[in-house]
């Protein structure tokens, strides 16, 4: 049984390896982290099943689908990704994140929310006796097909003239330009090949998975684990890590099924902590832009004056409260990303920890709401200290990926603690009794009262953030963002600065989570998912990264768009994703950031 499970792990790892090869090929050549890679995988699965239903021929679908998905990749690189070259590694990542939303909604429109059924091709059904037991033919075919693709890609890169150009371009694109090589065409071809491989892996994986629009969301995190463990941009690393991850997942499923999904993220975290660049990779980093001096001077008073009248501008109070809470969440994230230049994809962990610990204290411990809020905020700070201590050992995109992995560990830990958290149903039964202060009675069932009570906490948090940014420590934060090596040469403890900012950011996000638990009276498990971290990224970019008021503008635009679009269609993610991509391409400073720059120019 152990031997069969090992072979199963190799077959599963073959799919992971194919996904990671495409992702690594694009990163190694273009230095682009393709966050839509999982979506291309999903599109490949749908298109493959469509062609199989149309022709009844699996082999025809296996050849044609990568060509279609590869063509989609060519269009993506030429018209969406290429205009972002030179802006830094974060912008293509953010754009492809928005593109993934658009692709998911497109598949929902075309094939439905539930997806379409899949089955194993007739000629590959049944099992083969391997001497240690019977093993499905199709899983053996997965191993064989992956080996063929890896061999073909190796021959292309090592034995052809164009492969030589690709390898040279990944080392030094500028020298290739000097030698007269059309490097833009090479980038186009590489991106197309990478997405075609993602589409091929989708076709191959379809008979073994449930084909639905969400399948790309789950497989994206797994492919990032494989890519980062192997080393960003390393094809041998992608193959080795894919097989390793598949074997770890398979063996964990045999001995501890509940920990199987968690195990691969633990593997990623351990590898990155011991070797931050992965098995065969190298690290990198980038920075973001500063804020506007004039707004900084009276920012707390200006923000509070607007938020005091904000409920009057909204169609209903629940939306205003959500914008207030998610604006505070984005403020915490913005402190780390916008002001310190560290892109985290695990900040939902702190929002969720703050929510859950507040709810657990009230539901299971009978604590008063104010004490539960203090516990939730403190717990988020402790989680931030633990995750930050591990994450700051890495740099650049590795920092983003290790925070994603550690955040998913927190997600699965709370998901499995069903007795305390309610599991997938969430934690329910959070009730806030009315508070009487003399003759004043504050009832949380009144949405206006709830808004202004939450606003009092938000005001305290904003004052705290403003004091940080206006202090000498705030200047050190910006110095670290602009050039951490130069800051270290000037005598600043860069690692300690990053860790402290990480903890402060987690505390603010934890406060947003604690207040959200009081607002909703439940804590959904999605509060910990990395997609919520992606929404914080969207809000900061829509509003303006590195600006004080930008997170609230971004939260307002994001949630209002969601609220308005859902009235007309359930595919709101496509619209929001498209708007997000538009801002990444044409307004990278966001709405408020662009306005501030215009004001600065006029001044």
Protein backbone atom coordinates (compact mmCIF):
# COMPACT_ATOMS: atom_id res chain seq x y z
CA UNK A 1 0.00 0.00 0.00
CA UNK A 2 2.88 2.34 0.80
CA UNK A 3 4.51 1.62 -2.57
CA UNK A 4 1.23 2.26 -4.43
CA UNK A 5 0.75 5.50 -2.51
CA UNK A 6 4.27 6.53 -3.54
CA UNK A 7 3.44 5.95 -7.21
CA UNK A 8 0.22 7.91 -6.69
CA UNK A 9 2.30 10.76 -5.30
CA UNK A 10 4.53 10.69 -8.36
CA UNK A 11 1.47 10.86 -10.65
CA UNK A 12 0.07 13.78 -8.64
CA UNK A 13 3.50 15.42 -8.64
CA UNK A 14 3.61 15.11 -12.43
CA UNK A 15 0.65 17.52 -12.71
CA UNK A 16 2.24 19.86 -10.18
CA UNK A 17 5.52 19.72 -12.12
CA UNK A 18 3.81 20.62 -15.40
CA UNK A 19 2.11 23.61 -13.78
CA UNK A 20 5.32 24.77 -12.15
CA UNK A 21 7.33 24.38 -15.37
CA UNK A 22 5.07 26.87 -17.14
CA UNK A 23 5.17 29.25 -14.19
CA UNK A 24 8.96 28.98 -13.84
CA UNK A 25 9.57 29.39 -17.57
CA UNK A 26 7.68 32.69 -17.58
CA UNK A 27 9.36 33.95 -14.41
CA UNK A 28 12.83 32.86 -15.47
CA UNK A 29 12.64 34.71 -18.78
CA UNK A 30 10.33 37.66 -18.10
CA UNK A 31 10.66 37.98 -14.29
CA UNK A 32 6.84 38.01 -14.25
CA UNK A 33 4.92 36.17 -11.53
CA UNK A 34 1.84 35.02 -13.45
CA UNK A 35 -0.98 34.99 -10.88
CA UNK A 36 -3.41 33.96 -13.63
CA UNK A 37 -1.55 30.67 -14.15
CA UNK A 38 -4.17 28.72 -12.18
CA UNK A 39 -6.89 30.37 -14.26
CA UNK A 40 -5.15 29.29 -17.49
CA UNK A 41 -5.04 25.77 -16.04
CA UNK A 42 -8.78 25.97 -15.39
CA UNK A 43 -9.47 27.33 -18.88
CA UNK A 44 -7.45 24.46 -20.35
CA UNK A 45 -9.55 21.92 -18.45
CA UNK A 46 -12.82 23.47 -19.69
CA UNK A 47 -11.67 23.84 -23.29
CA UNK A 48 -10.33 20.29 -23.29
CA UNK A 49 -13.63 18.86 -22.08
CA UNK A 50 -15.50 21.00 -24.61
CA UNK A 51 -13.41 19.63 -27.49
CA UNK A 52 -13.78 16.08 -26.18
CA UNK A 53 -17.55 16.51 -26.08
CA UNK A 54 -17.51 18.04 -29.55
CA UNK A 55 -15.30 15.45 -31.25
CA UNK A 56 -15.33 12.48 -28.88
CA UNK A 57 -11.54 12.30 -29.30
CA UNK A 58 -9.29 12.79 -26.27
CA UNK A 59 -6.08 12.96 -28.33
CA UNK A 60 -7.45 15.68 -30.57
CA UNK A 61 -8.32 17.71 -27.47
CA UNK A 62 -4.87 17.06 -25.99
CA UNK A 63 -3.21 18.64 -29.03
CA UNK A 64 -5.63 21.48 -29.75
CA UNK A 65 -6.26 22.81 -26.23
CA UNK A 66 -2.65 23.91 -25.50
CA UNK A 67 -2.68 25.80 -28.81
CA UNK A 68 -5.85 27.69 -27.84
CA UNK A 69 -4.66 28.48 -24.31
CA UNK A 70 -1.21 29.40 -25.65
CA UNK A 71 -2.85 31.84 -28.08
CA UNK A 72 -4.72 33.37 -25.14
CA UNK A 73 -1.36 33.71 -23.40
CA UNK A 74 0.11 35.48 -26.44
CA UNK A 75 -2.71 38.04 -26.37
CA UNK A 76 -2.25 38.51 -22.61
CA UNK A 77 1.48 39.17 -22.90
CA UNK A 78 1.24 41.46 -25.90
CA UNK A 79 -1.60 43.72 -24.78
CA UNK A 80 -1.72 43.45 -20.98
CA UNK A 81 1.63 42.41 -19.52
CA UNK A 82 4.05 44.07 -21.95
CA UNK A 83 3.02 47.69 -21.09
CA UNK A 84 4.02 46.95 -17.47
CA UNK A 85 7.63 45.94 -18.15
CA UNK A 86 9.99 48.23 -16.27
CA UNK A 87 7.50 49.17 -13.54
CA UNK A 88 8.67 46.49 -11.13
CA UNK A 89 7.71 42.92 -10.35
CA UNK A 90 4.55 43.81 -8.41
CA UNK A 91 2.51 45.33 -11.26
CA UNK A 92 2.39 42.32 -13.62
CA UNK A 93 1.57 40.19 -10.57
CA UNK A 94 -1.33 42.46 -9.64
CA UNK A 95 -2.62 42.65 -13.23
CA UNK A 96 -2.61 38.87 -13.67
CA UNK A 97 -4.41 38.56 -10.32
CA UNK A 98 -7.20 40.71 -11.77
CA UNK A 99 -7.10 38.73 -15.02
CA UNK A 100 -7.69 35.52 -13.08
CA UNK A 101 -10.96 36.94 -11.77
CA UNK A 102 -12.05 37.82 -15.30
CA UNK A 103 -11.22 34.33 -16.61
CA UNK A 104 -13.05 32.63 -13.73
CA UNK A 105 -16.20 34.63 -14.39
CA UNK A 106 -15.90 34.02 -18.15
CA UNK A 107 -15.94 30.25 -17.54
CA UNK A 108 -18.92 30.63 -15.20
CA UNK A 109 -20.81 32.46 -17.92
CA UNK A 110 -19.91 29.92 -20.61
CA UNK A 111 -20.17 26.64 -18.67
CA UNK A 112 -22.13 27.45 -15.51
CA UNK A 113 -21.21 27.71 -11.84
CA UNK A 114 -21.18 23.93 -11.27
CA UNK A 115 -18.86 23.25 -14.20
CA UNK A 116 -19.13 20.22 -16.49
CA UNK A 117 -18.62 16.51 -15.76
CA UNK A 118 -15.38 14.79 -16.75
CA UNK A 119 -14.41 11.17 -17.29
CA UNK A 120 -11.34 9.14 -18.15
CA UNK A 121 -10.85 8.43 -21.90
CA UNK A 122 -12.06 4.87 -22.74
CA UNK A 123 -8.64 3.73 -23.96
CA UNK A 124 -7.01 4.73 -20.65
CA UNK A 125 -9.54 3.22 -18.27
CA UNK A 126 -8.79 0.27 -16.05
CA UNK A 127 -5.69 -0.66 -14.06
CA UNK A 128 -2.28 -2.22 -14.63
CA UNK A 129 -0.60 -4.77 -12.36
CA UNK A 130 2.73 -3.24 -11.29
CA UNK A 131 3.76 -6.24 -9.21
CA UNK A 132 3.06 -4.31 -6.01
CA UNK A 133 -0.65 -3.99 -6.81
CA UNK A 134 -3.00 -2.61 -9.44
CA UNK A 135 -2.60 0.98 -10.45
CA UNK A 136 -4.88 3.12 -12.72
CA UNK A 137 -3.73 3.35 -16.33
CA UNK A 138 -4.53 7.03 -16.54
CA UNK A 139 -2.25 7.96 -13.64
CA UNK A 140 0.60 6.07 -15.34
CA UNK A 141 -0.21 8.02 -18.50
CA UNK A 142 0.11 11.29 -16.49
CA UNK A 143 3.65 10.31 -15.47
CA UNK A 144 4.53 9.37 -19.06
CA UNK A 145 3.02 12.55 -20.56
CA UNK A 146 4.90 14.75 -18.08
CA UNK A 147 8.16 13.00 -18.91
CA UNK A 148 7.54 13.60 -22.63
CA UNK A 149 6.81 17.31 -22.09
CA UNK A 150 9.87 17.77 -19.87
CA UNK A 151 12.09 16.00 -22.43
CA UNK A 152 10.66 18.06 -25.31
CA UNK A 153 11.16 21.30 -23.41
CA UNK A 154 14.73 20.32 -22.51
CA UNK A 155 15.53 19.51 -26.14
CA UNK A 156 13.98 22.84 -27.20
CA UNK A 157 16.02 24.86 -24.69
CA UNK A 158 19.30 22.96 -25.02
CA UNK A 159 19.43 21.81 -28.65
CA UNK A 160 17.78 24.53 -30.71
CA UNK A 161 18.92 28.00 -31.70
CA UNK A 162 15.76 29.58 -30.35
CA UNK A 163 16.25 27.74 -27.05
CA UNK A 164 19.74 29.22 -26.87
CA UNK A 165 18.26 32.69 -27.32
CA UNK A 166 15.71 32.01 -24.58
CA UNK A 167 18.44 30.90 -22.15
CA UNK A 168 20.57 33.90 -23.05
CA UNK A 169 17.63 36.25 -22.62
CA UNK A 170 16.93 34.89 -19.16
CA UNK A 171 20.53 35.68 -18.19
CA UNK A 172 20.84 39.16 -19.74
CA UNK A 173 18.12 40.60 -21.95
CA UNK A 174 20.02 43.85 -22.55
CA UNK A 175 23.01 42.07 -24.13
CA UNK A 176 20.61 40.13 -26.36
CA UNK A 177 19.15 43.42 -27.58
CA UNK A 178 22.64 44.74 -28.32
CA UNK A 179 23.32 41.61 -30.37
CA UNK A 180 20.29 42.39 -32.53
CA UNK A 181 17.86 39.85 -31.08
CA UNK A 182 14.19 40.83 -31.00
CA UNK A 183 13.84 40.16 -27.27
CA UNK A 184 10.17 41.27 -27.24
CA UNK A 185 9.30 38.45 -29.63
CA UNK A 186 11.19 35.99 -27.43
CA UNK A 187 9.20 37.16 -24.38
CA UNK A 188 5.98 36.71 -26.36
CA UNK A 189 6.86 33.15 -27.36
CA UNK A 190 7.97 32.19 -23.84
CA UNK A 191 4.77 33.53 -22.27
CA UNK A 192 2.75 31.64 -24.88
CA UNK A 193 4.64 28.39 -24.20
CA UNK A 194 4.21 28.81 -20.44
CA UNK A 195 0.46 29.31 -20.69
CA UNK A 196 0.16 26.49 -23.24
CA UNK A 197 1.78 24.13 -20.72
CA UNK A 198 -0.73 25.36 -18.11
CA UNK A 199 -3.55 24.56 -20.55
CA UNK A 200 -2.05 21.12 -21.25
CA UNK A 201 -1.85 20.37 -17.53
CA UNK A 202 -5.51 21.36 -17.24
CA UNK A 203 -6.53 18.87 -19.94
CA UNK A 204 -4.46 16.11 -18.34
CA UNK A 205 -5.76 16.82 -14.83
CA UNK A 206 -9.45 17.11 -15.84
CA UNK A 207 -10.26 13.36 -15.59
CA UNK A 208 -8.83 13.27 -12.04
CA UNK A 209 -10.41 16.48 -10.68
CA UNK A 210 -13.75 18.21 -10.42
CA UNK A 211 -13.78 20.65 -13.34
CA UNK A 212 -15.34 23.90 -12.13
CA UNK A 213 -14.44 27.61 -12.31
CA UNK A 214 -12.89 27.53 -8.82
CA UNK A 215 -10.41 24.73 -9.57
CA UNK A 216 -7.78 27.26 -10.68
CA UNK A 217 -7.94 29.06 -7.32
CA UNK A 218 -6.93 25.95 -5.41
CA UNK A 219 -4.32 24.75 -7.86
CA UNK A 220 -2.66 28.20 -8.01
CA UNK A 221 -1.54 28.01 -4.39
CA UNK A 222 -0.23 24.47 -4.98
CA UNK A 223 1.67 25.51 -8.11
CA UNK A 224 3.24 28.42 -6.24
CA UNK A 225 4.36 26.02 -3.53
CA UNK A 226 6.06 23.84 -6.14
CA UNK A 227 7.61 26.80 -8.00
CA UNK A 228 8.98 28.46 -4.89
CA UNK A 229 10.28 25.24 -3.34
CA UNK A 230 12.09 24.39 -6.57
CA UNK A 231 13.31 27.95 -7.08
CA UNK A 232 11.61 30.69 -9.09
CA UNK A 233 12.71 30.40 -12.72
CA UNK A 234 14.34 26.96 -12.39
CA UNK A 235 12.94 24.21 -14.63
CA UNK A 236 14.86 21.34 -12.93
CA UNK A 237 13.70 22.74 -9.61
CA UNK A 238 10.09 22.75 -10.81
CA UNK A 239 10.26 19.07 -11.78
CA UNK A 240 12.02 18.01 -8.56
CA UNK A 241 9.75 20.07 -6.32
CA UNK A 242 6.61 18.93 -8.16
CA UNK A 243 7.43 15.29 -7.55
CA UNK A 244 8.43 16.02 -3.93
CA UNK A 245 5.20 17.91 -3.21
CA UNK A 246 3.10 15.18 -4.83
CA UNK A 247 4.78 12.47 -2.76
CA UNK A 248 4.45 14.46 0.49
CA UNK A 249 0.76 15.12 -0.20
CA UNK A 250 0.09 11.48 -1.10
CA UNK A 251 1.90 9.98 1.90
CA UNK A 252 0.30 12.46 4.28
CA UNK A 253 -3.10 11.50 2.84
CA UNK A 254 -2.33 7.89 3.79
CA UNK A 255 -1.24 8.50 7.39
CA UNK A 256 -3.03 11.77 8.31
CA UNK A 257 -5.70 12.67 5.73
CA UNK A 258 -6.82 15.81 7.58
CA UNK A 259 -3.33 17.28 7.32
CA UNK A 260 -2.72 16.51 3.63
CA UNK A 261 -3.43 19.98 2.24
CA UNK A 262 -1.63 21.62 5.14
CA UNK A 263 1.48 19.47 4.64
CA UNK A 264 2.53 21.02 1.32
CA UNK A 265 2.40 24.56 2.76
CA UNK A 266 4.44 23.41 5.75
CA UNK A 267 6.95 21.90 3.30
CA UNK A 268 7.17 25.23 1.46
CA UNK A 269 7.65 27.20 4.66
CA UNK A 270 10.38 24.84 5.90
CA UNK A 271 12.28 24.89 2.59
CA UNK A 272 12.15 28.68 2.32
CA UNK A 273 13.27 29.17 5.90
CA UNK A 274 16.25 26.86 5.38
CA UNK A 275 16.97 28.01 1.83
CA UNK A 276 14.98 31.19 1.01
CA UNK A 277 15.65 30.99 -2.75
CA UNK A 278 14.40 27.39 -3.00
CA UNK A 279 16.42 24.45 -4.34
CA UNK A 280 17.74 26.14 -7.49
CA UNK A 281 16.43 29.72 -7.38
CA UNK A 282 17.52 33.26 -6.65
CA UNK A 283 15.75 36.10 -4.81
CA UNK A 284 14.73 39.62 -5.87
CA UNK A 285 12.93 42.71 -4.53
CA UNK A 286 11.21 45.91 -5.58
CA UNK A 287 9.95 49.18 -4.10
CA UNK A 288 6.90 51.46 -4.30
CA UNK A 289 6.30 55.19 -4.38
CA UNK A 290 6.07 57.67 -1.48
CA UNK A 291 2.99 59.70 -0.42
CA UNK A 292 2.15 63.36 -0.76
CA UNK A 293 3.48 65.74 1.89
CA UNK A 294 0.49 68.10 2.02
CA UNK A 295 -2.04 65.36 2.78
CA UNK A 296 0.23 63.92 5.46
CA UNK A 297 0.15 67.09 7.55
CA UNK A 298 -3.54 66.99 8.54
CA UNK A 299 -4.43 63.53 7.36
CA UNK A 300 -6.15 62.14 10.48
CA UNK A 301 -8.47 65.14 10.87
CA UNK A 302 -9.29 65.16 7.15
CA UNK A 303 -10.04 61.43 7.07
CA UNK A 304 -12.16 61.58 10.21
CA UNK A 305 -14.14 64.58 8.96
CA UNK A 306 -15.01 62.64 5.82
CA UNK A 307 -15.82 59.40 7.65
CA UNK A 308 -18.13 61.24 10.07
CA UNK A 309 -20.48 62.17 7.23
CA UNK A 310 -19.75 59.08 5.13
CA UNK A 311 -22.92 57.11 6.15
CA UNK A 312 -25.03 59.94 4.73
CA UNK A 313 -23.46 59.41 1.30
CA UNK A 314 -24.06 55.64 1.16
CA UNK A 315 -27.31 54.00 0.00
CA UNK A 316 -27.47 51.97 3.24
CA UNK A 317 -25.50 51.76 6.48
CA UNK A 318 -24.29 48.15 6.17
CA UNK A 319 -22.23 49.09 3.10
CA UNK A 320 -20.73 52.06 4.96
CA UNK A 321 -19.73 49.78 7.86
CA UNK A 322 -18.14 47.25 5.50
CA UNK A 323 -16.14 49.99 3.77
CA UNK A 324 -15.02 51.29 7.16
CA UNK A 325 -13.85 47.83 8.29
CA UNK A 326 -12.16 46.85 5.04
CA UNK A 327 -10.63 50.32 4.80
CA UNK A 328 -9.02 49.69 8.20
CA UNK A 329 -7.87 46.25 7.00
CA UNK A 330 -6.33 47.88 3.92
CA UNK A 331 -4.66 50.53 6.11
CA UNK A 332 -2.90 47.75 8.02
CA UNK A 333 -1.83 46.08 4.79
CA UNK A 334 -0.78 49.43 3.31
CA UNK A 335 1.56 50.07 6.25
CA UNK A 336 3.51 46.99 5.23
CA UNK A 337 3.26 47.19 1.45
CA UNK A 338 2.74 50.84 0.59
CA UNK A 339 5.14 52.32 3.14
CA UNK A 340 7.64 49.48 3.67
CA UNK A 341 7.56 47.83 0.25
CA UNK A 342 6.81 44.28 1.47
CA UNK A 343 4.08 42.54 -0.54
CA UNK A 344 2.28 40.00 1.66
CA UNK A 345 -0.36 37.55 0.48
CA UNK A 346 -1.07 36.22 3.97
CA UNK A 347 -2.59 39.20 5.74
CA UNK A 348 -6.04 37.62 5.85
CA UNK A 349 -4.55 35.42 8.58
CA UNK A 350 -4.39 38.40 10.95
CA UNK A 351 -7.89 39.58 10.06
CA UNK A 352 -9.14 36.03 10.68
CA UNK A 353 -7.19 35.53 13.91
CA UNK A 354 -8.58 38.79 15.27
CA UNK A 355 -12.11 37.76 14.28
CA UNK A 356 -11.92 34.20 15.57
CA UNK A 357 -10.26 34.94 18.91
CA UNK A 358 -12.76 37.72 19.57
CA UNK A 359 -15.64 35.39 18.72
CA UNK A 360 -14.24 32.41 20.65
CA UNK A 361 -13.75 34.55 23.75
CA UNK A 362 -17.36 35.75 23.57
CA UNK A 363 -19.08 32.50 22.51
CA UNK A 364 -17.06 29.91 24.44
CA UNK A 365 -15.61 32.06 27.22
CA UNK A 366 -18.45 34.46 27.93
CA UNK A 367 -16.09 37.47 27.83
CA UNK A 368 -17.47 41.01 27.48
CA UNK A 369 -17.08 42.36 23.94
CA UNK A 370 -14.44 44.98 24.78
CA UNK A 371 -12.20 42.41 26.50
CA UNK A 372 -12.70 40.00 23.58
CA UNK A 373 -11.63 42.73 21.15
CA UNK A 374 -8.44 43.30 23.16
CA UNK A 375 -7.74 39.54 23.07
CA UNK A 376 -8.36 39.40 19.31
CA UNK A 377 -6.01 42.31 18.61
CA UNK A 378 -3.30 40.89 20.89
CA UNK A 379 -3.62 37.45 19.28
CA UNK A 380 -3.22 38.97 15.83
CA UNK A 381 -0.08 40.73 17.06
CA UNK A 382 1.34 37.44 18.38
CA UNK A 383 0.52 35.75 15.06
CA UNK A 384 2.19 38.65 13.26
CA UNK A 385 5.30 38.25 15.41
CA UNK A 386 5.51 34.51 14.67
CA UNK A 387 4.84 34.78 10.93
CA UNK A 388 6.91 37.95 10.55
CA UNK A 389 9.90 36.38 12.32
CA UNK A 390 9.91 33.63 9.70
CA UNK A 391 8.94 35.74 6.68
CA UNK A 392 11.51 38.56 6.99
CA UNK A 393 14.26 36.02 6.40
CA UNK A 394 13.21 36.12 2.73
CA UNK A 395 13.13 38.91 0.15
CA UNK A 396 11.10 40.01 -2.84
CA UNK A 397 8.68 37.49 -4.31
CA UNK A 398 9.86 34.86 -1.82
CA UNK A 399 8.52 37.06 0.98
CA UNK A 400 5.12 37.12 -0.75
CA UNK A 401 5.06 33.37 -1.21
CA UNK A 402 6.20 32.46 2.31
CA UNK A 403 3.52 34.74 3.80
CA UNK A 404 0.97 33.01 1.56
CA UNK A 405 2.16 29.60 2.77
CA UNK A 406 2.16 30.56 6.44
CA UNK A 407 -1.23 32.25 6.06
CA UNK A 408 -2.66 29.04 4.58
CA UNK A 409 -1.26 27.10 7.54
CA UNK A 410 -3.28 29.38 9.83
CA UNK A 411 -6.33 28.86 7.59
CA UNK A 412 -6.15 25.07 7.80
CA UNK A 413 -5.42 25.14 11.54
CA UNK A 414 -8.64 27.06 12.24
CA UNK A 415 -10.55 25.03 9.65
CA UNK A 416 -9.67 21.77 11.42
CA UNK A 417 -10.38 23.13 14.94
CA UNK A 418 -14.09 22.62 14.28
CA UNK A 419 -15.05 22.35 17.94
CA UNK A 420 -13.94 25.93 18.59
CA UNK A 421 -14.32 27.58 15.18
CA UNK A 422 -17.27 25.77 13.58
CA UNK A 423 -15.12 24.54 10.69
CA UNK A 424 -16.48 25.36 7.25
CA UNK A 425 -19.73 26.68 8.78
CA UNK A 426 -17.87 29.41 10.66
CA UNK A 427 -18.25 30.57 14.25
CA UNK A 428 -21.78 31.67 15.10
CA UNK A 429 -23.60 33.17 18.07
CA UNK A 430 -21.60 36.37 18.67
CA UNK A 431 -23.94 38.78 20.45
CA UNK A 432 -23.05 42.29 21.63
CA UNK A 433 -25.36 43.49 24.41
CA UNK A 434 -26.40 47.13 24.63
CA UNK A 435 -23.92 49.34 26.50
CA UNK A 436 -25.25 51.95 28.91
CA UNK A 437 -22.99 54.90 29.79
CA UNK A 438 -25.03 57.05 32.17
CA UNK A 439 -28.12 58.08 30.25
CA UNK A 440 -26.49 57.10 26.93
CA UNK A 441 -27.48 53.70 25.54
CA UNK A 442 -25.43 52.17 22.71
CA UNK A 443 -27.26 49.37 20.92
CA UNK A 444 -25.30 47.43 18.29
CA UNK A 445 -28.55 46.43 16.58
CA UNK A 446 -28.79 50.05 15.46
CA UNK A 447 -26.57 50.31 12.34
CA UNK A 448 -25.87 54.03 12.86
CA UNK A 449 -24.73 53.40 16.44
CA UNK A 450 -22.63 50.46 15.28
CA UNK A 451 -20.97 52.60 12.59
CA UNK A 452 -19.90 55.35 14.99
CA UNK A 453 -18.70 52.92 17.69
CA UNK A 454 -16.53 51.22 15.08
CA UNK A 455 -15.43 54.64 13.82
CA UNK A 456 -14.09 55.47 17.29
CA UNK A 457 -11.76 52.45 17.10
CA UNK A 458 -10.81 53.33 13.51
CA UNK A 459 -9.96 56.90 14.59
CA UNK A 460 -7.64 55.56 17.31
CA UNK A 461 -5.94 53.24 14.80
CA UNK A 462 -5.51 56.03 12.23
CA UNK A 463 -4.01 58.36 14.83
CA UNK A 464 -1.61 55.57 15.82
CA UNK A 465 -0.57 54.95 12.17
CA UNK A 466 -0.14 58.67 11.59
CA UNK A 467 2.13 59.01 14.62
CA UNK A 468 4.24 56.11 13.35
CA UNK A 469 4.64 57.64 9.90
CA UNK A 470 5.45 61.10 11.28
CA UNK A 471 8.09 59.77 13.69
CA UNK A 472 11.79 59.13 13.03
CA UNK A 473 10.85 55.46 12.83
CA UNK A 474 8.53 56.36 9.93
CA UNK A 475 11.50 57.84 8.09
CA UNK A 476 13.42 54.61 8.69
CA UNK A 477 10.49 52.63 7.24
CA UNK A 478 10.59 54.66 4.03
CA UNK A 479 14.38 54.34 3.89
CA UNK A 480 14.04 50.57 4.09
CA UNK A 481 11.42 50.67 1.33
CA UNK A 482 13.59 52.75 -1.00
CA UNK A 483 16.81 50.77 -0.47
CA UNK A 484 17.14 48.35 2.41
CA UNK A 485 20.82 47.66 1.73
CA UNK A 486 21.67 51.35 1.90
CA UNK A 487 19.60 51.68 5.09
CA UNK A 488 21.58 48.82 6.61
CA UNK A 489 24.83 50.50 5.54
CA UNK A 490 23.66 53.65 7.39
CA UNK A 491 23.44 51.63 10.60
CA UNK A 492 19.72 50.82 10.77
CA UNK A 493 18.63 47.35 11.85
CA UNK A 494 16.62 46.49 8.73
CA UNK A 495 15.44 43.08 9.94
CA UNK A 496 14.14 44.48 13.23
CA UNK A 497 12.43 47.36 11.40
CA UNK A 498 10.65 44.99 9.02
CA UNK A 499 9.59 42.73 11.88
CA UNK A 500 8.21 45.63 13.91
CA UNK A 501 6.26 46.99 10.94
CA UNK A 502 4.95 43.50 10.24
CA UNK A 503 3.65 43.18 13.81
CA UNK A 504 2.09 46.67 13.77
CA UNK A 505 0.41 45.86 10.46
CA UNK A 506 -0.92 42.59 11.90
CA UNK A 507 -2.29 44.41 14.98
CA UNK A 508 -4.26 46.87 12.82
CA UNK A 509 -5.61 44.06 10.63
CA UNK A 510 -6.49 42.13 13.80
CA UNK A 511 -8.46 45.14 15.06
CA UNK A 512 -10.38 45.21 11.75
CA UNK A 513 -11.10 41.49 12.16
CA UNK A 514 -12.28 41.85 15.77
CA UNK A 515 -14.65 44.67 14.84
CA UNK A 516 -15.88 42.68 11.83
CA UNK A 517 -16.82 39.79 14.12
CA UNK A 518 -18.95 42.17 16.21
CA UNK A 519 -20.51 43.58 13.05
CA UNK A 520 -21.43 40.27 11.39
CA UNK A 521 -22.18 38.29 14.61
CA UNK A 522 -20.44 35.37 12.88
CA UNK A 523 -16.90 34.62 11.70
CA UNK A 524 -16.89 32.91 8.26
CA UNK A 525 -13.93 30.65 7.49
CA UNK A 526 -13.27 32.75 4.37
CA UNK A 527 -11.95 35.43 6.75
CA UNK A 528 -8.64 33.52 6.70
CA UNK A 529 -8.40 32.68 2.99
CA UNK A 530 -5.64 34.17 0.85
CA UNK A 531 -8.23 35.53 -1.59
CA UNK A 532 -9.17 38.04 1.10
CA UNK A 533 -5.50 39.07 1.19
CA UNK A 534 -5.77 39.59 -2.55
CA UNK A 535 -8.74 41.88 -1.99
CA UNK A 536 -6.59 44.00 0.36
CA UNK A 537 -4.04 44.27 -2.46
CA UNK A 538 -6.80 45.35 -4.85
CA UNK A 539 -8.13 47.96 -2.44
CA UNK A 540 -4.70 49.47 -1.83
CA UNK A 541 -3.92 49.65 -5.54
CA UNK A 542 -7.33 51.05 -6.49
CA UNK A 543 -7.02 53.75 -3.83
CA UNK A 544 -3.28 54.39 -3.99
CA UNK A 545 -0.47 52.45 -2.34
CA UNK A 546 1.67 54.42 0.06
CA UNK A 547 -1.04 57.04 0.65
CA UNK A 548 -2.85 57.62 3.93
CA UNK A 549 -6.42 57.96 2.63
CA UNK A 550 -6.00 55.65 -0.39
CA UNK A 551 -7.02 52.41 1.40
CA UNK A 552 -10.44 53.83 2.27
CA UNK A 553 -10.93 55.09 -1.29
CA UNK A 554 -9.96 51.67 -2.62
CA UNK A 555 -12.23 49.86 -0.17
CA UNK A 556 -15.09 52.17 -1.11
CA UNK A 557 -14.61 51.63 -4.85
CA UNK A 558 -14.16 47.86 -4.51
CA UNK A 559 -17.16 47.21 -2.25
CA UNK A 560 -19.43 49.70 -4.04
CA UNK A 561 -18.59 48.10 -7.39
CA UNK A 562 -19.34 44.67 -5.93
CA UNK A 563 -22.62 45.93 -4.46
CA UNK A 564 -23.77 47.65 -7.66
CA UNK A 565 -22.68 45.00 -10.16
CA UNK A 566 -24.27 42.12 -8.21
CA UNK A 567 -27.64 43.79 -8.80
CA UNK A 568 -27.25 43.19 -12.54
CA UNK A 569 -25.16 40.01 -12.66
CA UNK A 570 -23.75 37.37 -10.35
CA UNK A 571 -20.46 37.56 -12.28
CA UNK A 572 -19.26 40.65 -10.41
CA UNK A 573 -15.73 39.28 -10.12
CA UNK A 574 -15.21 39.72 -13.87
CA UNK A 575 -16.11 43.41 -13.68
CA UNK A 576 -14.05 44.11 -10.57
CA UNK A 577 -11.12 42.13 -12.00
CA UNK A 578 -11.33 44.11 -15.24
CA UNK A 579 -11.40 47.44 -13.38
CA UNK A 580 -8.43 46.30 -11.31
CA UNK A 581 -6.45 45.39 -14.45
CA UNK A 582 -7.31 48.79 -15.96
CA UNK A 583 -5.85 50.57 -12.94
CA UNK A 584 -2.72 48.41 -12.91
CA UNK A 585 -2.15 49.28 -16.57
CA UNK A 586 -3.04 52.97 -16.70
CA UNK A 587 -3.31 54.29 -13.12
CA UNK A 588 -0.70 52.42 -11.05
CA UNK A 589 -0.83 55.16 -8.40
CA UNK A 590 -4.55 54.53 -7.82
CA UNK A 591 -7.41 57.01 -7.63
CA UNK A 592 -6.25 58.95 -4.58
CA UNK A 593 -2.56 58.56 -5.45
CA UNK A 594 -3.13 59.99 -8.94
CA UNK A 595 -5.15 62.89 -7.50
CA UNK A 596 -2.39 63.64 -4.99
CA UNK A 597 0.22 63.68 -7.75
CA UNK A 598 -1.89 66.08 -9.81
CA UNK A 599 -2.25 68.36 -6.77
CA UNK A 600 1.51 68.21 -6.23
CA UNK A 601 2.12 69.14 -9.86
CA UNK A 602 -0.25 72.13 -9.60
CA UNK A 603 1.42 73.19 -6.37
